[in-house]
């Protein structure tokens, strides 16, 4: 078995030097988080029945993250509202982050 070029102490010193040079920091997970706001649950009005008999009777809203660029370095959020009658996208918005304001602006 080939011997290592560096001792364990030298490896640790190299790792520490690399982390300091590149300013790597490991963030510790917060285990004792306190719930900030009460979560509100809404009734399931559609009950998995996604058929509408007329326009604007039932709409669905959702958002997704789209990644683009050479190595996926850029991200954008697409929020949309779908009319279940014709399965048409009736409103959409692109935003840099997922915020409540971006979601509200889809409906305005």
PDB file of N, CA and C in Angstrom:
ATOM      1  N   UNK A   1       0.850  -1.169   0.000  1.00  0.00           N
ATOM      2  CA  UNK A   1       0.000   0.000   0.000  1.00  0.00           C
ATOM      3  C   UNK A   1       0.897   1.235   0.000  1.00  0.00           C
ATOM      4  N   UNK A   2       0.662   2.180  -0.919  1.00  0.00           N
ATOM      5  CA  UNK A   2       1.523   3.368  -0.975  1.00  0.00           C
ATOM      6  C   UNK A   2       1.313   4.255   0.233  1.00  0.00           C
ATOM      7  N   UNK A   3       2.397   4.846   0.666  1.00  0.00           N
ATOM      8  CA  UNK A   3       2.332   5.752   1.815  1.00  0.00           C
ATOM      9  C   UNK A   3       1.821   7.104   1.374  1.00  0.00           C
ATOM     10  N   UNK A   4       1.098   7.751   2.257  1.00  0.00           N
ATOM     11  CA  UNK A   4       0.568   9.082   1.978  1.00  0.00           C
ATOM     12  C   UNK A   4       1.704  10.091   1.935  1.00  0.00           C
ATOM     13  N   UNK A   5       1.556  11.053   1.085  1.00  0.00           N
ATOM     14  CA  UNK A   5       2.572  12.087   0.941  1.00  0.00           C
ATOM     15  C   UNK A   5       2.607  13.007   2.162  1.00  0.00           C
ATOM     16  N   UNK A   6       1.458  13.155   2.830  1.00  0.00           N
ATOM     17  CA  UNK A   6       1.341  14.043   3.982  1.00  0.00           C
ATOM     18  C   UNK A   6       0.913  13.263   5.219  1.00  0.00           C
ATOM     19  N   UNK A   7       1.343  13.735   6.362  1.00  0.00           N
ATOM     20  CA  UNK A   7       0.887  13.131   7.610  1.00  0.00           C
ATOM     21  C   UNK A   7      -0.506  13.659   7.932  1.00  0.00           C
ATOM     22  N   UNK A   8      -1.137  13.079   8.934  1.00  0.00           N
ATOM     23  CA  UNK A   8      -2.487  13.495   9.311  1.00  0.00           C
ATOM     24  C   UNK A   8      -2.510  14.950   9.767  1.00  0.00           C
ATOM     25  N   UNK A   9      -1.491  15.380  10.481  1.00  0.00           N
ATOM     26  CA  UNK A   9      -1.417  16.762  10.952  1.00  0.00           C
ATOM     27  C   UNK A   9      -1.246  17.711   9.768  1.00  0.00           C
ATOM     28  N   UNK A  10      -0.415  17.302   8.794  1.00  0.00           N
ATOM     29  CA  UNK A  10      -0.211  18.146   7.610  1.00  0.00           C
ATOM     30  C   UNK A  10      -1.485  18.235   6.781  1.00  0.00           C
ATOM     31  N   UNK A  11      -2.242  17.134   6.686  1.00  0.00           N
ATOM     32  CA  UNK A  11      -3.511  17.146   5.953  1.00  0.00           C
ATOM     33  C   UNK A  11      -4.495  18.108   6.604  1.00  0.00           C
ATOM     34  N   UNK A  12      -4.569  18.047   7.944  1.00  0.00           N
ATOM     35  CA  UNK A  12      -5.456  18.939   8.669  1.00  0.00           C
ATOM     36  C   UNK A  12      -5.054  20.394   8.469  1.00  0.00           C
ATOM     37  N   UNK A  13      -3.772  20.663   8.466  1.00  0.00           N
ATOM     38  CA  UNK A  13      -3.281  22.024   8.239  1.00  0.00           C
ATOM     39  C   UNK A  13      -3.615  22.486   6.832  1.00  0.00           C
ATOM     40  N   UNK A  14      -3.497  21.604   5.834  1.00  0.00           N
ATOM     41  CA  UNK A  14      -3.829  21.961   4.450  1.00  0.00           C
ATOM     42  C   UNK A  14      -5.318  22.250   4.301  1.00  0.00           C
ATOM     43  N   UNK A  15      -6.140  21.432   4.929  1.00  0.00           N
ATOM     44  CA  UNK A  15      -7.596  21.645   4.857  1.00  0.00           C
ATOM     45  C   UNK A  15      -7.961  22.973   5.505  1.00  0.00           C
ATOM     46  N   UNK A  16      -7.396  23.237   6.668  1.00  0.00           N
ATOM     47  CA  UNK A  16      -7.673  24.494   7.367  1.00  0.00           C
ATOM     48  C   UNK A  16      -7.217  25.683   6.544  1.00  0.00           C
ATOM     49  N   UNK A  17      -6.046  25.571   5.933  1.00  0.00           N
ATOM     50  CA  UNK A  17      -5.535  26.659   5.090  1.00  0.00           C
ATOM     51  C   UNK A  17      -6.428  26.876   3.881  1.00  0.00           C
ATOM     52  N   UNK A  18      -6.896  25.786   3.273  1.00  0.00           N
ATOM     53  CA  UNK A  18      -7.789  25.890   2.122  1.00  0.00           C
ATOM     54  C   UNK A  18      -9.109  26.550   2.511  1.00  0.00           C
ATOM     55  N   UNK A  19      -9.668  26.145   3.660  1.00  0.00           N
ATOM     56  CA  UNK A  19     -10.928  26.728   4.115  1.00  0.00           C
ATOM     57  C   UNK A  19     -10.769  28.208   4.411  1.00  0.00           C
ATOM     58  N   UNK A  20      -9.663  28.582   5.033  1.00  0.00           N
ATOM     59  CA  UNK A  20      -9.434  29.994   5.333  1.00  0.00           C
ATOM     60  C   UNK A  20      -9.216  30.799   4.060  1.00  0.00           C
ATOM     61  N   UNK A  21      -8.535  30.226   3.090  1.00  0.00           N
ATOM     62  CA  UNK A  21      -8.272  30.933   1.834  1.00  0.00           C
ATOM     63  C   UNK A  21      -9.550  31.134   1.038  1.00  0.00           C
ATOM     64  N   UNK A  22     -10.445  30.165   1.076  1.00  0.00           N
ATOM     65  CA  UNK A  22     -11.675  30.237   0.296  1.00  0.00           C
ATOM     66  C   UNK A  22     -12.866  30.666   1.138  1.00  0.00           C
ATOM     67  N   UNK A  23     -12.626  31.001   2.365  1.00  0.00           N
ATOM     68  CA  UNK A  23     -13.651  31.466   3.291  1.00  0.00           C
ATOM     69  C   UNK A  23     -14.842  30.502   3.363  1.00  0.00           C
ATOM     70  N   UNK A  24     -14.531  29.219   3.432  1.00  0.00           N
ATOM     71  CA  UNK A  24     -15.587  28.217   3.566  1.00  0.00           C
ATOM     72  C   UNK A  24     -16.089  28.224   5.002  1.00  0.00           C
ATOM     73  N   UNK A  25     -17.367  28.197   5.143  1.00  0.00           N
ATOM     74  CA  UNK A  25     -17.956  28.122   6.466  1.00  0.00           C
ATOM     75  C   UNK A  25     -19.085  27.106   6.436  1.00  0.00           C
ATOM     76  N   UNK A  26     -19.140  26.314   7.444  1.00  0.00           N
ATOM     77  CA  UNK A  26     -20.217  25.340   7.563  1.00  0.00           C
ATOM     78  C   UNK A  26     -21.195  25.870   8.591  1.00  0.00           C
ATOM     79  N   UNK A  27     -22.427  26.065   8.164  1.00  0.00           N
ATOM     80  CA  UNK A  27     -23.462  26.582   9.054  1.00  0.00           C
ATOM     81  C   UNK A  27     -24.109  25.415   9.780  1.00  0.00           C
ATOM     82  N   UNK A  28     -24.170  25.521  11.075  1.00  0.00           N
ATOM     83  CA  UNK A  28     -24.798  24.484  11.883  1.00  0.00           C
ATOM     84  C   UNK A  28     -26.316  24.601  11.771  1.00  0.00           C
ATOM     85  N   UNK A  29     -26.980  23.468  11.662  1.00  0.00           N
ATOM     86  CA  UNK A  29     -28.436  23.472  11.598  1.00  0.00           C
ATOM     87  C   UNK A  29     -29.007  23.872  12.946  1.00  0.00           C
ATOM     88  N   UNK A  30     -30.082  24.617  12.893  1.00  0.00           N
ATOM     89  CA  UNK A  30     -30.753  25.041  14.119  1.00  0.00           C
ATOM     90  C   UNK A  30     -31.808  24.003  14.456  1.00  0.00           C
ATOM     91  N   UNK A  31     -31.595  23.309  15.519  1.00  0.00           N
ATOM     92  CA  UNK A  31     -32.477  22.202  15.891  1.00  0.00           C
ATOM     93  C   UNK A  31     -33.689  22.664  16.699  1.00  0.00           C
ATOM     94  N   UNK A  32     -33.556  23.736  17.436  1.00  0.00           N
ATOM     95  CA  UNK A  32     -34.642  24.169  18.312  1.00  0.00           C
ATOM     96  C   UNK A  32     -35.332  25.403  17.750  1.00  0.00           C
ATOM     97  N   UNK A  33     -35.956  25.236  16.605  1.00  0.00           N
ATOM     98  CA  UNK A  33     -36.670  26.361  15.996  1.00  0.00           C
ATOM     99  C   UNK A  33     -38.069  26.454  16.575  1.00  0.00           C
ATOM    100  N   UNK A  34     -38.494  27.682  16.785  1.00  0.00           N
ATOM    101  CA  UNK A  34     -39.837  27.939  17.293  1.00  0.00           C
ATOM    102  C   UNK A  34     -40.694  28.399  16.122  1.00  0.00           C
ATOM    103  N   UNK A  35     -41.884  27.863  16.022  1.00  0.00           N
ATOM    104  CA  UNK A  35     -42.776  28.230  14.932  1.00  0.00           C
ATOM    105  C   UNK A  35     -43.100  29.715  15.029  1.00  0.00           C
ATOM    106  N   UNK A  36     -42.840  30.453  13.940  1.00  0.00           N
ATOM    107  CA  UNK A  36     -43.006  31.900  13.941  1.00  0.00           C
ATOM    108  C   UNK A  36     -44.465  32.321  13.798  1.00  0.00           C
ATOM    109  N   UNK A  37     -45.185  31.658  12.909  1.00  0.00           N
ATOM    110  CA  UNK A  37     -46.578  32.030  12.673  1.00  0.00           C
ATOM    111  C   UNK A  37     -47.442  30.777  12.686  1.00  0.00           C
ATOM    112  N   UNK A  38     -48.686  30.986  13.016  1.00  0.00           N
ATOM    113  CA  UNK A  38     -49.617  29.872  12.989  1.00  0.00           C
ATOM    114  C   UNK A  38     -49.929  29.536  11.538  1.00  0.00           C
ATOM    115  N   UNK A  39     -49.939  28.259  11.232  1.00  0.00           N
ATOM    116  CA  UNK A  39     -50.233  27.817   9.869  1.00  0.00           C
ATOM    117  C   UNK A  39     -51.741  27.663   9.716  1.00  0.00           C
ATOM    118  N   UNK A  40     -52.258  28.164   8.624  1.00  0.00           N
ATOM    119  CA  UNK A  40     -53.688  28.084   8.369  1.00  0.00           C
ATOM    120  C   UNK A  40     -53.950  26.996   7.334  1.00  0.00           C
ATOM    121  N   UNK A  41     -54.854  26.114   7.637  1.00  0.00           N
ATOM    122  CA  UNK A  41     -55.241  25.075   6.706  1.00  0.00           C
ATOM    123  C   UNK A  41     -56.592  25.430   6.118  1.00  0.00           C
ATOM    124  N   UNK A  42     -56.680  25.342   4.803  1.00  0.00           N
ATOM    125  CA  UNK A  42     -57.921  25.635   4.110  1.00  0.00           C
ATOM    126  C   UNK A  42     -58.646  24.329   3.788  1.00  0.00           C
ATOM    127  N   UNK A  43     -59.937  24.406   3.670  1.00  0.00           N
ATOM    128  CA  UNK A  43     -60.718  23.235   3.286  1.00  0.00           C
ATOM    129  C   UNK A  43     -60.407  22.855   1.850  1.00  0.00           C
ATOM    130  N   UNK A  44     -60.450  21.567   1.564  1.00  0.00           N
ATOM    131  CA  UNK A  44     -60.232  21.061   0.220  1.00  0.00           C
ATOM    132  C   UNK A  44     -61.547  21.182  -0.551  1.00  0.00           C
ATOM    133  N   UNK A  45     -61.746  22.326  -1.178  1.00  0.00           N
ATOM    134  CA  UNK A  45     -63.014  22.619  -1.852  1.00  0.00           C
ATOM    135  C   UNK A  45     -63.175  21.758  -3.109  1.00  0.00           C
ATOM    136  N   UNK A  46     -62.111  21.573  -3.871  1.00  0.00           N
ATOM    137  CA  UNK A  46     -62.212  20.812  -5.117  1.00  0.00           C
ATOM    138  C   UNK A  46     -62.316  19.311  -4.881  1.00  0.00           C
ATOM    139  N   UNK A  47     -61.757  18.808  -3.793  1.00  0.00           N
ATOM    140  CA  UNK A  47     -61.795  17.388  -3.464  1.00  0.00           C
ATOM    141  C   UNK A  47     -61.358  16.530  -4.659  1.00  0.00           C
ATOM    142  N   UNK A  48     -60.266  16.936  -5.303  1.00  0.00           N
ATOM    143  CA  UNK A  48     -59.663  16.230  -6.442  1.00  0.00           C
ATOM    144  C   UNK A  48     -60.587  16.142  -7.664  1.00  0.00           C
ATOM    145  N   UNK A  49     -61.642  16.967  -7.717  1.00  0.00           N
ATOM    146  CA  UNK A  49     -62.525  17.025  -8.886  1.00  0.00           C
ATOM    147  C   UNK A  49     -62.090  18.212  -9.730  1.00  0.00           C
ATOM    148  N   UNK A  50     -61.285  17.959 -10.743  1.00  0.00           N
ATOM    149  CA  UNK A  50     -60.693  19.027 -11.533  1.00  0.00           C
ATOM    150  C   UNK A  50     -61.457  19.296 -12.825  1.00  0.00           C
ATOM    151  N   UNK A  51     -62.732  19.061 -12.838  1.00  0.00           N
ATOM    152  CA  UNK A  51     -63.555  19.344 -14.011  1.00  0.00           C
ATOM    153  C   UNK A  51     -64.419  20.557 -13.721  1.00  0.00           C
ATOM    154  N   UNK A  52     -64.366  21.544 -14.600  1.00  0.00           N
ATOM    155  CA  UNK A  52     -65.186  22.747 -14.452  1.00  0.00           C
ATOM    156  C   UNK A  52     -66.158  22.807 -15.622  1.00  0.00           C
ATOM    157  N   UNK A  53     -67.390  23.219 -15.355  1.00  0.00           N
ATOM    158  CA  UNK A  53     -68.417  23.267 -16.404  1.00  0.00           C
ATOM    159  C   UNK A  53     -68.497  24.620 -17.094  1.00  0.00           C
ATOM    160  N   UNK A  54     -67.824  25.644 -16.529  1.00  0.00           N
ATOM    161  CA  UNK A  54     -67.823  26.963 -17.154  1.00  0.00           C
ATOM    162  C   UNK A  54     -66.520  27.683 -16.805  1.00  0.00           C
ATOM    163  N   UNK A  55     -66.166  28.696 -17.604  1.00  0.00           N
ATOM    164  CA  UNK A  55     -64.921  29.430 -17.330  1.00  0.00           C
ATOM    165  C   UNK A  55     -64.976  30.150 -15.984  1.00  0.00           C
ATOM    166  N   UNK A  56     -63.831  30.321 -15.380  1.00  0.00           N
ATOM    167  CA  UNK A  56     -63.656  31.023 -14.105  1.00  0.00           C
ATOM    168  C   UNK A  56     -64.436  30.391 -12.948  1.00  0.00           C
ATOM    169  N   UNK A  57     -64.787  29.143 -13.080  1.00  0.00           N
ATOM    170  CA  UNK A  57     -65.461  28.443 -11.996  1.00  0.00           C
ATOM    171  C   UNK A  57     -64.436  27.938 -10.977  1.00  0.00           C
ATOM    172  N   UNK A  58     -63.313  27.424 -11.470  1.00  0.00           N
ATOM    173  CA  UNK A  58     -62.255  26.931 -10.586  1.00  0.00           C
ATOM    174  C   UNK A  58     -60.905  27.208 -11.242  1.00  0.00           C
ATOM    175  N   UNK A  59     -60.000  27.731 -10.442  1.00  0.00           N
ATOM    176  CA  UNK A  59     -58.644  28.027 -10.920  1.00  0.00           C
ATOM    177  C   UNK A  59     -57.637  27.435  -9.941  1.00  0.00           C
ATOM    178  N   UNK A  60     -56.487  27.099 -10.465  1.00  0.00           N
ATOM    179  CA  UNK A  60     -55.398  26.588  -9.648  1.00  0.00           C
ATOM    180  C   UNK A  60     -54.192  27.507  -9.793  1.00  0.00           C
ATOM    181  N   UNK A  61     -53.440  27.677  -8.727  1.00  0.00           N
ATOM    182  CA  UNK A  61     -52.228  28.495  -8.760  1.00  0.00           C
ATOM    183  C   UNK A  61     -51.067  27.656  -8.257  1.00  0.00           C
ATOM    184  N   UNK A  62     -49.910  27.872  -8.860  1.00  0.00           N
ATOM    185  CA  UNK A  62     -48.716  27.151  -8.444  1.00  0.00           C
ATOM    186  C   UNK A  62     -47.496  27.949  -8.872  1.00  0.00           C
ATOM    187  N   UNK A  63     -46.364  27.636  -8.272  1.00  0.00           N
ATOM    188  CA  UNK A  63     -45.109  28.262  -8.686  1.00  0.00           C
ATOM    189  C   UNK A  63     -44.031  27.191  -8.720  1.00  0.00           C
ATOM    190  N   UNK A  64     -43.048  27.404  -9.579  1.00  0.00           N
ATOM    191  CA  UNK A  64     -41.954  26.463  -9.718  1.00  0.00           C
ATOM    192  C   UNK A  64     -40.664  27.211  -9.967  1.00  0.00           C
ATOM    193  N   UNK A  65     -39.562  26.594  -9.646  1.00  0.00           N
ATOM    194  CA  UNK A  65     -38.249  27.199  -9.845  1.00  0.00           C
ATOM    195  C   UNK A  65     -37.665  26.673 -11.143  1.00  0.00           C
ATOM    196  N   UNK A  66     -37.254  27.578 -12.013  1.00  0.00           N
ATOM    197  CA  UNK A  66     -36.622  27.216 -13.271  1.00  0.00           C
ATOM    198  C   UNK A  66     -35.142  27.560 -13.182  1.00  0.00           C
ATOM    199  N   UNK A  67     -34.303  26.622 -13.571  1.00  0.00           N
ATOM    200  CA  UNK A  67     -32.857  26.806 -13.523  1.00  0.00           C
ATOM    201  C   UNK A  67     -32.356  26.905 -14.952  1.00  0.00           C
ATOM    202  N   UNK A  68     -31.491  27.887 -15.216  1.00  0.00           N
ATOM    203  CA  UNK A  68     -30.940  28.041 -16.548  1.00  0.00           C
ATOM    204  C   UNK A  68     -29.503  28.542 -16.455  1.00  0.00           C
ATOM    205  N   UNK A  69     -28.836  28.582 -17.580  1.00  0.00           N
ATOM    206  CA  UNK A  69     -27.440  28.983 -17.613  1.00  0.00           C
ATOM    207  C   UNK A  69     -26.565  27.792 -17.940  1.00  0.00           C
ATOM    208  N   UNK A  70     -25.285  28.038 -18.113  1.00  0.00           N
ATOM    209  CA  UNK A  70     -24.355  26.992 -18.514  1.00  0.00           C
ATOM    210  C   UNK A  70     -24.358  25.842 -17.506  1.00  0.00           C
ATOM    211  N   UNK A  71     -24.185  26.128 -16.264  1.00  0.00           N
ATOM    212  CA  UNK A  71     -24.172  25.093 -15.222  1.00  0.00           C
ATOM    213  C   UNK A  71     -25.342  25.241 -14.266  1.00  0.00           C
ATOM    214  N   UNK A  72     -26.421  25.819 -14.718  1.00  0.00           N
ATOM    215  CA  UNK A  72     -27.572  26.036 -13.855  1.00  0.00           C
ATOM    216  C   UNK A  72     -27.314  27.096 -12.810  1.00  0.00           C
ATOM    217  N   UNK A  73     -26.538  28.109 -13.164  1.00  0.00           N
ATOM    218  CA  UNK A  73     -26.142  29.124 -12.191  1.00  0.00           C
ATOM    219  C   UNK A  73     -27.214  30.173 -11.948  1.00  0.00           C
ATOM    220  N   UNK A  74     -28.204  30.259 -12.806  1.00  0.00           N
ATOM    221  CA  UNK A  74     -29.259  31.255 -12.644  1.00  0.00           C
ATOM    222  C   UNK A  74     -30.572  30.562 -12.317  1.00  0.00           C
ATOM    223  N   UNK A  75     -31.391  31.215 -11.493  1.00  0.00           N
ATOM    224  CA  UNK A  75     -32.694  30.677 -11.107  1.00  0.00           C
ATOM    225  C   UNK A  75     -33.744  31.763 -11.226  1.00  0.00           C
ATOM    226  N   UNK A  76     -34.950  31.361 -11.575  1.00  0.00           N
ATOM    227  CA  UNK A  76     -36.078  32.276 -11.647  1.00  0.00           C
ATOM    228  C   UNK A  76     -37.322  31.505 -11.217  1.00  0.00           C
ATOM    229  N   UNK A  77     -38.277  32.193 -10.612  1.00  0.00           N
ATOM    230  CA  UNK A  77     -39.524  31.568 -10.164  1.00  0.00           C
ATOM    231  C   UNK A  77     -40.635  31.905 -11.154  1.00  0.00           C
ATOM    232  N   UNK A  78     -41.357  30.893 -11.605  1.00  0.00           N
ATOM    233  CA  UNK A  78     -42.505  31.070 -12.478  1.00  0.00           C
ATOM    234  C   UNK A  78     -43.751  30.763 -11.671  1.00  0.00           C
ATOM    235  N   UNK A  79     -44.633  31.756 -11.552  1.00  0.00           N
ATOM    236  CA  UNK A  79     -45.909  31.594 -10.855  1.00  0.00           C
ATOM    237  C   UNK A  79     -47.013  31.705 -11.894  1.00  0.00           C
ATOM    238  N   UNK A  80     -47.995  30.840 -11.792  1.00  0.00           N
ATOM    239  CA  UNK A  80     -49.059  30.861 -12.785  1.00  0.00           C
ATOM    240  C   UNK A  80     -50.406  30.501 -12.201  1.00  0.00           C
ATOM    241  N   UNK A  81     -51.458  30.908 -12.928  1.00  0.00           N
ATOM    242  CA  UNK A  81     -52.839  30.583 -12.557  1.00  0.00           C
ATOM    243  C   UNK A  81     -53.462  29.886 -13.761  1.00  0.00           C
ATOM    244  N   UNK A  82     -54.039  28.714 -13.521  1.00  0.00           N
ATOM    245  CA  UNK A  82     -54.620  27.887 -14.576  1.00  0.00           C
ATOM    246  C   UNK A  82     -56.124  27.818 -14.397  1.00  0.00           C
ATOM    247  N   UNK A  83     -56.883  28.122 -15.471  1.00  0.00           N
ATOM    248  CA  UNK A  83     -58.338  27.967 -15.456  1.00  0.00           C
ATOM    249  C   UNK A  83     -58.653  26.517 -15.789  1.00  0.00           C
ATOM    250  N   UNK A  84     -59.388  25.848 -14.929  1.00  0.00           N
ATOM    251  CA  UNK A  84     -59.644  24.425 -15.121  1.00  0.00           C
ATOM    252  C   UNK A  84     -60.631  24.126 -16.242  1.00  0.00           C
ATOM    253  N   UNK A  85     -61.400  25.111 -16.671  1.00  0.00           N
ATOM    254  CA  UNK A  85     -62.376  24.850 -17.729  1.00  0.00           C
ATOM    255  C   UNK A  85     -61.676  24.567 -19.055  1.00  0.00           C
ATOM    256  N   UNK A  86     -60.835  25.432 -19.491  1.00  0.00           N
ATOM    257  CA  UNK A  86     -60.161  25.241 -20.762  1.00  0.00           C
ATOM    258  C   UNK A  86     -58.716  24.812 -20.623  1.00  0.00           C
ATOM    259  N   UNK A  87     -58.260  24.646 -19.382  1.00  0.00           N
ATOM    260  CA  UNK A  87     -56.870  24.293 -19.095  1.00  0.00           C
ATOM    261  C   UNK A  87     -55.902  25.291 -19.725  1.00  0.00           C
ATOM    262  N   UNK A  88     -56.265  26.578 -19.623  1.00  0.00           N
ATOM    263  CA  UNK A  88     -55.424  27.648 -20.157  1.00  0.00           C
ATOM    264  C   UNK A  88     -54.766  28.406 -19.024  1.00  0.00           C
ATOM    265  N   UNK A  89     -53.542  28.812 -19.254  1.00  0.00           N
ATOM    266  CA  UNK A  89     -52.834  29.655 -18.303  1.00  0.00           C
ATOM    267  C   UNK A  89     -53.380  31.065 -18.460  1.00  0.00           C
ATOM    268  N   UNK A  90     -54.040  31.589 -17.427  1.00  0.00           N
ATOM    269  CA  UNK A  90     -54.681  32.900 -17.561  1.00  0.00           C
ATOM    270  C   UNK A  90     -53.843  34.022 -16.977  1.00  0.00           C
ATOM    271  N   UNK A  91     -52.833  33.690 -16.173  1.00  0.00           N
ATOM    272  CA  UNK A  91     -51.936  34.708 -15.626  1.00  0.00           C
ATOM    273  C   UNK A  91     -50.615  34.050 -15.257  1.00  0.00           C
ATOM    274  N   UNK A  92     -49.533  34.793 -15.432  1.00  0.00           N
ATOM    275  CA  UNK A  92     -48.220  34.282 -15.038  1.00  0.00           C
ATOM    276  C   UNK A  92     -47.304  35.436 -14.656  1.00  0.00           C
ATOM    277  N   UNK A  93     -46.261  35.110 -13.936  1.00  0.00           N
ATOM    278  CA  UNK A  93     -45.283  36.122 -13.519  1.00  0.00           C
ATOM    279  C   UNK A  93     -43.952  35.439 -13.251  1.00  0.00           C
ATOM    280  N   UNK A  94     -42.875  36.071 -13.696  1.00  0.00           N
ATOM    281  CA  UNK A  94     -41.521  35.627 -13.396  1.00  0.00           C
ATOM    282  C   UNK A  94     -40.948  36.529 -12.323  1.00  0.00           C
ATOM    283  N   UNK A  95     -40.292  35.947 -11.332  1.00  0.00           N
ATOM    284  CA  UNK A  95     -39.663  36.740 -10.286  1.00  0.00           C
ATOM    285  C   UNK A  95     -38.357  36.062  -9.875  1.00  0.00           C
ATOM    286  N   UNK A  96     -37.490  36.848  -9.262  1.00  0.00           N
ATOM    287  CA  UNK A  96     -36.198  36.311  -8.851  1.00  0.00           C
ATOM    288  C   UNK A  96     -36.303  35.432  -7.618  1.00  0.00           C
ATOM    289  N   UNK A  97     -37.233  35.749  -6.732  1.00  0.00           N
ATOM    290  CA  UNK A  97     -37.380  34.981  -5.496  1.00  0.00           C
ATOM    291  C   UNK A  97     -38.844  34.629  -5.283  1.00  0.00           C
ATOM    292  N   UNK A  98     -39.060  33.646  -4.425  1.00  0.00           N
ATOM    293  CA  UNK A  98     -40.421  33.243  -4.097  1.00  0.00           C
ATOM    294  C   UNK A  98     -40.867  34.037  -2.872  1.00  0.00           C
ATOM    295  N   UNK A  99     -41.666  35.041  -3.118  1.00  0.00           N
ATOM    296  CA  UNK A  99     -42.179  35.852  -2.022  1.00  0.00           C
ATOM    297  C   UNK A  99     -43.697  35.932  -2.141  1.00  0.00           C
ATOM    298  N   UNK A 100     -44.339  36.296  -1.068  1.00  0.00           N
ATOM    299  CA  UNK A 100     -45.798  36.421  -1.102  1.00  0.00           C
ATOM    300  C   UNK A 100     -46.214  37.540  -2.047  1.00  0.00           C
ATOM    301  N   UNK A 101     -45.418  38.620  -2.130  1.00  0.00           N
ATOM    302  CA  UNK A 101     -45.760  39.721  -3.051  1.00  0.00           C
ATOM    303  C   UNK A 101     -45.758  39.249  -4.497  1.00  0.00           C
ATOM    304  N   UNK A 102     -44.808  38.416  -4.863  1.00  0.00           N
ATOM    305  CA  UNK A 102     -44.771  37.903  -6.241  1.00  0.00           C
ATOM    306  C   UNK A 102     -45.993  37.048  -6.529  1.00  0.00           C
ATOM    307  N   UNK A 103     -46.414  36.255  -5.563  1.00  0.00           N
ATOM    308  CA  UNK A 103     -47.591  35.407  -5.758  1.00  0.00           C
ATOM    309  C   UNK A 103     -48.864  36.248  -5.849  1.00  0.00           C
ATOM    310  N   UNK A 104     -48.958  37.289  -5.047  1.00  0.00           N
ATOM    311  CA  UNK A 104     -50.139  38.165  -5.070  1.00  0.00           C
ATOM    312  C   UNK A 104     -50.237  38.904  -6.390  1.00  0.00           C
ATOM    313  N   UNK A 105     -49.108  39.329  -6.948  1.00  0.00           N
ATOM    314  CA  UNK A 105     -49.120  40.066  -8.202  1.00  0.00           C
ATOM    315  C   UNK A 105     -49.605  39.237  -9.369  1.00  0.00           C
ATOM    316  N   UNK A 106     -49.544  37.920  -9.264  1.00  0.00           N
ATOM    317  CA  UNK A 106     -50.086  37.060 -10.323  1.00  0.00           C
ATOM    318  C   UNK A 106     -51.591  37.255 -10.434  1.00  0.00           C
ATOM    319  N   UNK A 107     -52.246  37.484  -9.305  1.00  0.00           N
ATOM    320  CA  UNK A 107     -53.700  37.623  -9.299  1.00  0.00           C
ATOM    321  C   UNK A 107     -54.160  39.045  -9.602  1.00  0.00           C
ATOM    322  N   UNK A 108     -53.271  40.000  -9.631  1.00  0.00           N
ATOM    323  CA  UNK A 108     -53.684  41.391  -9.863  1.00  0.00           C
ATOM    324  C   UNK A 108     -53.678  41.761 -11.294  1.00  0.00           C
TER     325      UNK A 108
END
